[in-house]
Amino acid sequence: MSRFRRMKTLQKFASVHANLHNHFALERHLVNRQTYRERRSAALAEWQTLMA
């Protein structure tokens, strides 16, 4: 929090970070390699369409 001057800025960052983290954090230790790769590819494809 020391890098954020205002609480509102911190809240904005935390909100966006939480959404992105949930989108990309796929709990690698709970799925096999193939499933992880498929989910990761799908997440990256969705991200690319959103940023295009």
C-alpha atoms as a PDB file:
ATOM      1  CA  MET A   1       0.000   0.000   0.000  1.00  0.00           C
ATOM      2  CA  SER A   2       2.963   2.323   0.470  1.00  0.00           C
ATOM      3  CA  ARG A   3       3.176   2.941  -3.297  1.00  0.00           C
ATOM      4  CA  PHE A   4      -0.419   4.125  -3.539  1.00  0.00           C
ATOM      5  CA  ARG A   5      -1.092   7.657  -2.434  1.00  0.00           C
ATOM      6  CA  ARG A   6      -4.844   7.299  -2.229  1.00  0.00           C
ATOM      7  CA  MET A   7      -7.023   4.478  -0.987  1.00  0.00           C
ATOM      8  CA  LYS A   8      -9.253   4.823  -4.070  1.00  0.00           C
ATOM      9  CA  THR A   9      -6.291   4.117  -6.347  1.00  0.00           C
ATOM     10  CA  LEU A  10      -5.390   1.051  -4.326  1.00  0.00           C
ATOM     11  CA  GLN A  11      -8.971  -0.211  -4.499  1.00  0.00           C
ATOM     12  CA  LYS A  12      -9.077   0.238  -8.279  1.00  0.00           C
ATOM     13  CA  PHE A  13      -5.811  -1.636  -8.701  1.00  0.00           C
ATOM     14  CA  ALA A  14      -6.862  -4.424  -6.357  1.00  0.00           C
ATOM     15  CA  SER A  15     -10.167  -4.858  -8.165  1.00  0.00           C
ATOM     16  CA  VAL A  16      -8.568  -5.144 -11.601  1.00  0.00           C
ATOM     17  CA  HIS A  17      -5.732  -7.315 -10.301  1.00  0.00           C
ATOM     18  CA  ALA A  18      -8.151  -9.713  -8.620  1.00  0.00           C
ATOM     19  CA  ASN A  19     -10.137 -10.188 -11.827  1.00  0.00           C
ATOM     20  CA  LEU A  20      -7.040 -10.801 -13.920  1.00  0.00           C
ATOM     21  CA  HIS A  21      -5.509 -13.089 -11.328  1.00  0.00           C
ATOM     22  CA  ASN A  22      -8.652 -15.194 -11.179  1.00  0.00           C
ATOM     23  CA  HIS A  23      -8.677 -15.385 -14.962  1.00  0.00           C
ATOM     24  CA  PHE A  24      -5.104 -16.611 -15.253  1.00  0.00           C
ATOM     25  CA  ALA A  25      -4.566 -18.512 -11.970  1.00  0.00           C
ATOM     26  CA  LEU A  26      -5.548 -21.995 -13.061  1.00  0.00           C
ATOM     27  CA  GLU A  27      -4.403 -24.028 -10.041  1.00  0.00           C
ATOM     28  CA  ARG A  28      -1.739 -25.997 -11.881  1.00  0.00           C
ATOM     29  CA  HIS A  29      -1.306 -28.478  -9.051  1.00  0.00           C
ATOM     30  CA  LEU A  30      -4.932 -29.689  -9.357  1.00  0.00           C
ATOM     31  CA  VAL A  31      -5.058 -30.540 -13.071  1.00  0.00           C
ATOM     32  CA  ASN A  32      -2.961 -32.554 -15.455  1.00  0.00           C
ATOM     33  CA  ARG A  33      -0.644 -30.945 -17.984  1.00  0.00           C
ATOM     34  CA  GLN A  34      -2.932 -31.216 -21.015  1.00  0.00           C
ATOM     35  CA  THR A  35      -5.922 -29.676 -19.229  1.00  0.00           C
ATOM     36  CA  TYR A  36      -3.734 -26.883 -17.873  1.00  0.00           C
ATOM     37  CA  ARG A  37      -2.380 -26.075 -21.335  1.00  0.00           C
ATOM     38  CA  GLU A  38      -5.880 -26.031 -22.843  1.00  0.00           C
ATOM     39  CA  ARG A  39      -7.184 -23.706 -20.138  1.00  0.00           C
ATOM     40  CA  ARG A  40      -4.142 -21.468 -20.405  1.00  0.00           C
ATOM     41  CA  SER A  41      -4.502 -21.224 -24.179  1.00  0.00           C
ATOM     42  CA  ALA A  42      -8.194 -20.383 -23.841  1.00  0.00           C
ATOM     43  CA  ALA A  43      -7.445 -17.673 -21.267  1.00  0.00           C
ATOM     44  CA  LEU A  44      -4.757 -16.121 -23.469  1.00  0.00           C
ATOM     45  CA  ALA A  45      -7.017 -16.220 -26.539  1.00  0.00           C
ATOM     46  CA  GLU A  46      -9.772 -14.479 -24.604  1.00  0.00           C
ATOM     47  CA  TRP A  47      -7.325 -11.879 -23.340  1.00  0.00           C
ATOM     48  CA  GLN A  48      -6.100 -11.193 -26.874  1.00  0.00           C
ATOM     49  CA  THR A  49      -9.660 -10.706 -28.153  1.00  0.00           C
ATOM     50  CA  LEU A  50     -10.385  -8.311 -25.309  1.00  0.00           C
ATOM     51  CA  MET A  51      -7.265  -6.255 -26.023  1.00  0.00           C
ATOM     52  CA  ALA A  52      -7.824  -6.168 -29.805  1.00  0.00           C
END
